[in-house]
C-alpha atoms as a PDB file:
ATOM      1  CA  VAL A   1     112.812 138.947 132.527  1.00  0.00           C
ATOM      2  CA  SER A   2     111.661 136.540 130.328  1.00  0.00           C
ATOM      3  CA  GLN A   3     113.304 133.849 128.410  1.00  0.00           C
ATOM      4  CA  SER A   4     112.040 135.087 125.046  1.00  0.00           C
ATOM      5  CA  ARG A   5     112.868 138.917 125.824  1.00  0.00           C
ATOM      6  CA  TYR A   6     116.189 137.806 127.557  1.00  0.00           C
ATOM      7  CA  LEU A   7     116.919 135.531 124.027  1.00  0.00           C
ATOM      8  CA  ALA A   8     115.898 138.438 121.930  1.00  0.00           C
ATOM      9  CA  GLU A   9     118.404 140.956 123.504  1.00  0.00           C
ATOM     10  CA  LEU A  10     120.938 138.399 123.558  1.00  0.00           C
ATOM     11  CA  PHE A  11     120.919 137.998 119.744  1.00  0.00           C
ATOM     12  CA  THR A  12     120.872 141.701 119.257  1.00  0.00           C
ATOM     13  CA  ASN A  13     123.712 141.925 121.080  1.00  0.00           C
ATOM     14  CA  ALA A  14     125.270 139.009 119.164  1.00  0.00           C
ATOM     15  CA  LYS A  15     124.288 140.508 115.730  1.00  0.00           C
ATOM     16  CA  ALA A  16     125.519 144.080 116.473  1.00  0.00           C
ATOM     17  CA  THR A  17     129.271 142.244 118.213  1.00  0.00           C
ATOM     18  CA  LEU A  18     130.162 140.339 114.686  1.00  0.00           C
ATOM     19  CA  PRO A  19     130.834 142.899 112.579  1.00  0.00           C
ATOM     20  CA  GLN A  20     133.488 144.123 115.447  1.00  0.00           C
ATOM     21  CA  LEU A  21     135.532 140.756 115.244  1.00  0.00           C
ATOM     22  CA  LYS A  22     138.740 140.536 113.387  1.00  0.00           C
ATOM     23  CA  ASP A  23     139.890 137.001 114.022  1.00  0.00           C
ATOM     24  CA  GLU A  24     138.107 134.401 111.765  1.00  0.00           C
ATOM     25  CA  PHE A  25     138.554 131.876 114.097  1.00  0.00           C
ATOM     26  CA  VAL A  26     136.565 133.592 116.813  1.00  0.00           C
ATOM     27  CA  GLN A  27     134.197 135.024 114.126  1.00  0.00           C
ATOM     28  CA  GLU A  28     132.837 131.743 113.168  1.00  0.00           C
ATOM     29  CA  ARG A  29     131.976 130.572 116.315  1.00  0.00           C
ATOM     30  CA  TYR A  30     130.285 133.510 117.401  1.00  0.00           C
ATOM     31  CA  ALA A  31     128.259 133.282 114.054  1.00  0.00           C
ATOM     32  CA  PHE A  32     127.050 129.963 114.486  1.00  0.00           C
ATOM     33  CA  GLN A  33     125.742 131.169 118.241  1.00  0.00           C
ATOM     34  CA  THR A  34     124.192 134.061 116.406  1.00  0.00           C
ATOM     35  CA  ILE A  35     122.412 131.916 113.661  1.00  0.00           C
ATOM     36  CA  MET A  36     121.263 129.332 116.858  1.00  0.00           C
ATOM     37  CA  LEU A  37     119.667 132.580 118.895  1.00  0.00           C
ATOM     38  CA  ALA A  38     118.021 133.335 115.784  1.00  0.00           C
ATOM     39  CA  MET A  39     116.830 130.485 115.309  1.00  0.00           C
ATOM     40  CA  MET A  40     115.464 129.868 118.954  1.00  0.00           C
ATOM     41  CA  ASN A  41     113.630 133.366 118.597  1.00  0.00           C
ATOM     42  CA  ASP A  42     111.923 131.875 115.491  1.00  0.00           C
ATOM     43  CA  GLN A  43     113.721 134.458 113.025  1.00  0.00           C
ATOM     44  CA  PRO A  44     114.872 132.266 110.023  1.00  0.00           C
ATOM     45  CA  GLN A  45     115.539 135.189 107.900  1.00  0.00           C
ATOM     46  CA  GLU A  46     117.907 136.594 110.084  1.00  0.00           C
ATOM     47  CA  ALA A  47     119.721 133.104 110.344  1.00  0.00           C
ATOM     48  CA  LEU A  48     120.146 133.376 106.700  1.00  0.00           C
ATOM     49  CA  GLN A  49     121.230 136.863 106.933  1.00  0.00           C
ATOM     50  CA  VAL A  50     123.666 136.133 109.395  1.00  0.00           C
ATOM     51  CA  TYR A  51     125.002 133.165 107.829  1.00  0.00           C
ATOM     52  CA  ASP A  52     125.574 135.102 104.619  1.00  0.00           C
ATOM     53  CA  ALA A  53     127.032 138.090 106.071  1.00  0.00           C
ATOM     54  CA  ALA A  54     129.446 136.430 108.719  1.00  0.00           C
ATOM     55  CA  ILE A  55     129.917 132.682 107.599  1.00  0.00           C
ATOM     56  CA  LYS A  56     129.785 132.699 103.540  1.00  0.00           C
ATOM     57  CA  PRO A  57     132.916 134.985 103.356  1.00  0.00           C
ATOM     58  CA  LEU A  58     135.079 133.173 105.578  1.00  0.00           C
ATOM     59  CA  LYS A  59     138.522 132.220 104.009  1.00  0.00           C
ATOM     60  CA  LYS A  60     139.267 129.316 106.428  1.00  0.00           C
ATOM     61  CA  LYS A  61     136.346 127.281 107.368  1.00  0.00           C
ATOM     62  CA  THR A  62     136.240 124.568 110.218  1.00  0.00           C
ATOM     63  CA  TYR A  63     133.756 121.873 111.214  1.00  0.00           C
ATOM     64  CA  ILE A  64     132.063 125.008 112.979  1.00  0.00           C
ATOM     65  CA  SER A  65     130.595 126.253 109.581  1.00  0.00           C
ATOM     66  CA  ASP A  66     129.500 123.046 108.338  1.00  0.00           C
ATOM     67  CA  TRP A  67     127.371 123.097 111.749  1.00  0.00           C
ATOM     68  CA  ALA A  68     126.029 127.012 110.880  1.00  0.00           C
ATOM     69  CA  LEU A  69     125.148 125.356 107.140  1.00  0.00           C
ATOM     70  CA  SER A  70     122.809 122.752 109.088  1.00  0.00           C
ATOM     71  CA  ARG A  71     120.822 125.815 110.845  1.00  0.00           C
ATOM     72  CA  LYS A  72     121.009 127.598 107.872  1.00  0.00           C
ATOM     73  CA  ALA A  73     119.070 124.675 106.086  1.00  0.00           C
ATOM     74  CA  GLY A  74     117.071 124.546 108.839  1.00  0.00           C
ATOM     75  CA  ALA A  75     116.116 128.055 108.656  1.00  0.00           C
ATOM     76  CA  LEU A  76     115.368 127.453 104.705  1.00  0.00           C
ATOM     77  CA  ILE A  77     112.754 124.777 105.855  1.00  0.00           C
ATOM     78  CA  ALA A  78     111.047 127.073 108.002  1.00  0.00           C
ATOM     79  CA  LEU A  79     110.757 129.335 105.172  1.00  0.00           C
ATOM     80  CA  GLY A  80     109.753 126.941 102.501  1.00  0.00           C
ATOM     81  CA  ASP A  81     112.447 126.163 100.498  1.00  0.00           C
ATOM     82  CA  SER A  82     113.118 122.133 100.656  1.00  0.00           C
ATOM     83  CA  VAL A  83     115.113 122.264  97.450  1.00  0.00           C
ATOM     84  CA  GLN A  84     117.725 124.332  98.631  1.00  0.00           C
ATOM     85  CA  ALA A  85     117.689 122.934 102.349  1.00  0.00           C
ATOM     86  CA  TYR A  86     117.791 119.599 100.682  1.00  0.00           C
ATOM     87  CA  TYR A  87     121.145 120.599  99.272  1.00  0.00           C
ATOM     88  CA  ASP A  88     122.786 122.242 101.945  1.00  0.00           C
ATOM     89  CA  PHE A  89     121.532 119.149 104.060  1.00  0.00           C
ATOM     90  CA  ALA A  90     123.432 116.623 101.481  1.00  0.00           C
ATOM     91  CA  GLN A  91     126.668 118.865 101.725  1.00  0.00           C
ATOM     92  CA  VAL A  92     126.550 118.914 105.630  1.00  0.00           C
ATOM     93  CA  PHE A  93     125.948 114.894 105.149  1.00  0.00           C
ATOM     94  CA  ASP A  94     129.020 114.575 102.891  1.00  0.00           C
ATOM     95  CA  ARG A  95     131.597 116.563 104.820  1.00  0.00           C
ATOM     96  CA  CYS A  96     130.430 116.688 108.624  1.00  0.00           C
ATOM     97  CA  PRO A  97     130.176 113.265 109.892  1.00  0.00           C
ATOM     98  CA  SER A  98     129.494 115.394 113.905  1.00  0.00           C
ATOM     99  CA  ARG A  99     126.299 116.640 111.685  1.00  0.00           C
ATOM    100  CA  ARG A 100     125.424 113.504 109.336  1.00  0.00           C
ATOM    101  CA  HIS A 101     122.815 112.246 111.625  1.00  0.00           C
ATOM    102  CA  ALA A 102     121.025 114.991 112.334  1.00  0.00           C
ATOM    103  CA  ALA A 103     121.288 116.440 108.761  1.00  0.00           C
ATOM    104  CA  ASP A 104     119.270 113.020 107.892  1.00  0.00           C
ATOM    105  CA  LEU A 105     116.941 113.305 110.777  1.00  0.00           C
ATOM    106  CA  SER A 106     115.827 116.873 109.366  1.00  0.00           C
ATOM    107  CA  ILE A 107     114.899 115.800 106.456  1.00  0.00           C
ATOM    108  CA  ARG A 108     113.532 112.322 107.118  1.00  0.00           C
ATOM    109  CA  SER A 109     111.493 113.721 110.120  1.00  0.00           C
ATOM    110  CA  ARG A 110     109.547 116.066 108.027  1.00  0.00           C
ATOM    111  CA  GLY A 111     108.443 113.733 105.175  1.00  0.00           C
ATOM    112  CA  ILE A 112     110.597 115.410 102.802  1.00  0.00           C
ATOM    113  CA  GLY A 113     111.584 113.086  99.824  1.00  0.00           C
ATOM    114  CA  PHE A 114     114.090 113.519  97.009  1.00  0.00           C
ATOM    115  CA  GLN A 115     114.640 116.989  95.537  1.00  0.00           C
ATOM    116  CA  GLU A 116     115.547 116.485  92.227  1.00  0.00           C
ATOM    117  CA  GLY A 117     116.178 120.164  92.007  1.00  0.00           C
ATOM    118  CA  ALA A 118     118.832 119.983  94.319  1.00  0.00           C
ATOM    119  CA  ILE A 119     121.055 118.432  91.493  1.00  0.00           C
ATOM    120  CA  ALA A 120     120.761 121.611  89.528  1.00  0.00           C
ATOM    121  CA  LEU A 121     122.442 123.590  92.713  1.00  0.00           C
ATOM    122  CA  CYS A 122     125.630 121.512  92.489  1.00  0.00           C
ATOM    123  CA  LYS A 123     128.652 122.477  91.392  1.00  0.00           C
ATOM    124  CA  ASN A 124     130.486 119.612  90.468  1.00  0.00           C
ATOM    125  CA  SER A 125     129.897 115.951  90.062  1.00  0.00           C
ATOM    126  CA  HIS A 126     130.935 114.966  93.807  1.00  0.00           C
ATOM    127  CA  GLU A 127     128.617 117.250  95.252  1.00  0.00           C
ATOM    128  CA  LYS A 128     125.738 115.934  92.922  1.00  0.00           C
ATOM    129  CA  ALA A 129     127.009 112.280  94.076  1.00  0.00           C
ATOM    130  CA  ALA A 130     126.412 113.937  97.750  1.00  0.00           C
ATOM    131  CA  VAL A 131     122.799 114.620  96.841  1.00  0.00           C
ATOM    132  CA  TYR A 132     122.308 111.241  95.637  1.00  0.00           C
ATOM    133  CA  ALA A 133     123.961 109.323  98.402  1.00  0.00           C
ATOM    134  CA  PHE A 134     121.853 111.539 100.516  1.00  0.00           C
ATOM    135  CA  ALA A 135     118.621 110.145  99.014  1.00  0.00           C
ATOM    136  CA  ALA A 136     119.925 106.618  98.679  1.00  0.00           C
ATOM    137  CA  ILE A 137     120.421 105.926 102.741  1.00  0.00           C
ATOM    138  CA  LYS A 138     116.459 106.928 103.561  1.00  0.00           C
ATOM    139  CA  PRO A 139     114.668 103.943 104.527  1.00  0.00           C
ATOM    140  CA  SER A 140     111.795 104.539 102.001  1.00  0.00           C
ATOM    141  CA  GLU A 141     113.827 105.111  99.166  1.00  0.00           C
ATOM    142  CA  GLU A 142     115.827 101.681  96.905  1.00  0.00           C
ATOM    143  CA  GLY A 143     119.220 103.124  96.906  1.00  0.00           C
ATOM    144  CA  LEU A 144     120.660 101.207  93.701  1.00  0.00           C
ATOM    145  CA  LYS A 145     119.570 103.424  91.274  1.00  0.00           C
ATOM    146  CA  PHE A 146     121.038 106.781  93.094  1.00  0.00           C
ATOM    147  CA  LEU A 147     124.398 104.139  93.767  1.00  0.00           C
ATOM    148  CA  GLU A 148     124.468 104.009  89.935  1.00  0.00           C
ATOM    149  CA  LYS A 149     124.495 107.656  89.708  1.00  0.00           C
ATOM    150  CA  MET A 150     126.939 108.149  92.134  1.00  0.00           C
ATOM    151  CA  VAL A 151     129.553 105.866  90.496  1.00  0.00           C
ATOM    152  CA  ASP A 152     128.840 107.357  87.036  1.00  0.00           C
ATOM    153  CA  LEU A 153     129.429 110.716  88.503  1.00  0.00           C
ATOM    154  CA  ASP A 154     132.220 110.204  91.162  1.00  0.00           C
ATOM    155  CA  PRO A 155     133.750 106.459  91.260  1.00  0.00           C
ATOM    156  CA  THR A 156     135.903 107.357  94.346  1.00  0.00           C
ATOM    157  CA  HIS A 157     133.541 109.349  96.376  1.00  0.00           C
ATOM    158  CA  PRO A 158     134.022 108.185  99.757  1.00  0.00           C
ATOM    159  CA  LEU A 159     130.155 107.630 100.417  1.00  0.00           C
ATOM    160  CA  ILE A 160     129.611 104.947  98.055  1.00  0.00           C
ATOM    161  CA  GLU A 161     130.595 102.318 100.508  1.00  0.00           C
ATOM    162  CA  LEU A 162     128.536 103.578 103.631  1.00  0.00           C
ATOM    163  CA  VAL A 163     125.737 103.627 101.163  1.00  0.00           C
ATOM    164  CA  MET A 164     126.204 100.135  99.858  1.00  0.00           C
ATOM    165  CA  SER A 165     126.547  98.839 103.156  1.00  0.00           C
ATOM    166  CA  ARG A 166     123.286 100.675 103.923  1.00  0.00           C
ATOM    167  CA  GLU A 167     121.353  99.354 101.425  1.00  0.00           C
ATOM    168  CA  ILE A 168     122.428  95.967 101.905  1.00  0.00           C
ATOM    169  CA  ASN A 169     121.452  96.494 105.708  1.00  0.00           C
ATOM    170  CA  LYS A 170     117.824  97.748 103.882  1.00  0.00           C
ATOM    171  CA  ASN A 171     117.244  94.491 102.076  1.00  0.00           C
ATOM    172  CA  GLU A 172     118.449  92.267 105.038  1.00  0.00           C
ATOM    173  CA  ALA A 173     115.578  94.015 106.952  1.00  0.00           C
ATOM    174  CA  LEU A 174     113.016  93.457 104.069  1.00  0.00           C
ATOM    175  CA  TYR A 175     113.996  89.701 104.150  1.00  0.00           C
ATOM    176  CA  TYR A 176     113.904  89.115 107.408  1.00  0.00           C
ATOM    177  CA  LYS A 177     111.545  91.643 108.899  1.00  0.00           C
ATOM    178  CA  GLN A 178     108.513  89.806 111.254  1.00  0.00           C
ATOM    179  CA  GLN A 179     107.674  93.000 112.728  1.00  0.00           C
ATOM    180  CA  ASP A 180     106.935  97.137 110.900  1.00  0.00           C
ATOM    181  CA  TYR A 181     107.635 100.196 113.155  1.00  0.00           C
ATOM    182  CA  TRP A 182     104.304 101.546 112.770  1.00  0.00           C
ATOM    183  CA  MET A 183     102.091  98.723 112.280  1.00  0.00           C
ATOM    184  CA  GLY A 184     103.524  95.818 114.688  1.00  0.00           C
ATOM    185  CA  GLU A 185     103.379  92.124 113.867  1.00  0.00           C
ATOM    186  CA  LEU A 186     103.148  91.567 109.971  1.00  0.00           C
ATOM    187  CA  ASP A 187     100.798  88.787 108.541  1.00  0.00           C
ATOM    188  CA  ALA A 188     101.961  86.012 106.833  1.00  0.00           C
ATOM    189  CA  GLU A 189     101.232  87.348 103.757  1.00  0.00           C
ATOM    190  CA  LYS A 190     103.054  90.709 103.969  1.00  0.00           C
ATOM    191  CA  GLU A 191     106.051  89.038 105.369  1.00  0.00           C
ATOM    192  CA  LYS A 192     106.275  86.420 102.614  1.00  0.00           C
ATOM    193  CA  GLU A 193     105.748  90.043  99.955  1.00  0.00           C
ATOM    194  CA  ASN A 194     108.662  91.785 101.659  1.00  0.00           C
ATOM    195  CA  HIS A 195     111.090  88.321 101.382  1.00  0.00           C
ATOM    196  CA  ASP A 196     109.692  87.679  97.236  1.00  0.00           C
ATOM    197  CA  LYS A 197     110.924  91.500  96.819  1.00  0.00           C
ATOM    198  CA  ALA A 198     114.259  91.110  98.541  1.00  0.00           C
ATOM    199  CA  VAL A 199     115.131  87.762  96.946  1.00  0.00           C
ATOM    200  CA  PRO A 200     115.629  89.029  93.668  1.00  0.00           C
ATOM    201  CA  TYR A 201     117.267  92.797  94.801  1.00  0.00           C
ATOM    202  CA  TRP A 202     120.149  90.720  96.326  1.00  0.00           C
ATOM    203  CA  GLN A 203     121.127  89.661  92.702  1.00  0.00           C
ATOM    204  CA  LYS A 204     120.692  92.982  91.650  1.00  0.00           C
ATOM    205  CA  LEU A 205     123.065  94.157  94.520  1.00  0.00           C
ATOM    206  CA  LYS A 206     125.552  91.625  93.292  1.00  0.00           C
ATOM    207  CA  ASP A 207     125.677  92.812  90.037  1.00  0.00           C
ATOM    208  CA  PHE A 208     126.371  96.139  91.323  1.00  0.00           C
ATOM    209  CA  ALA A 209     129.101  95.346  93.082  1.00  0.00           C
ATOM    210  CA  THR A 210     130.848  92.818  90.487  1.00  0.00           C
ATOM    211  CA  ALA A 211     130.015  96.067  88.131  1.00  0.00           C
ATOM    212  CA  CYS A 212     132.049  98.137  90.563  1.00  0.00           C
ATOM    213  CA  SER A 213     134.811  95.782  91.510  1.00  0.00           C
ATOM    214  CA  ALA A 214     136.311  95.902  88.045  1.00  0.00           C
ATOM    215  CA  ASN A 215     136.152  99.814  87.793  1.00  0.00           C
END
């Protein structure tokens, strides 16, 4: 039996078994594996259907549901819905440390920039701040503008400190960087340009931190 046929049979059997499961703890884990099989079979629409039918209605969710949400977001990207996928990955990044790196990489590796439309999908200020945090940590983004929005929306959001640390790190890299990952050694002119850009940004970060300390 070929691997593709074997995986297809596994998915068919798993999908048929899911409605028979009564224990939510088992159902959640079984549904996650079924969603994984759907994606391994290049069936993103099936993955979404399983998520909606078996994960979404669960009354008691564990981190496995966030793992499933991450797979659902991947299915959405495969189907061309980058806005909903961005929102879903941002919530995974916020809630699930064990899938935080995967969520970031799933967007970053595809070159998908900040999706403004994801804000409209948010249910509350905390979720909006999570979307801004997800945008801010990207190396290609200047995160301070997103940090300011986060503080306005939810000044106690737990990702604020992470994003601020990341922003300091990004500016340090710009200030000291002598090599570019893609281009190799930087010439003296480019090195000075980066340095000159970093110096005034330190002051902006300092002013932001000072303002936050009084909040």
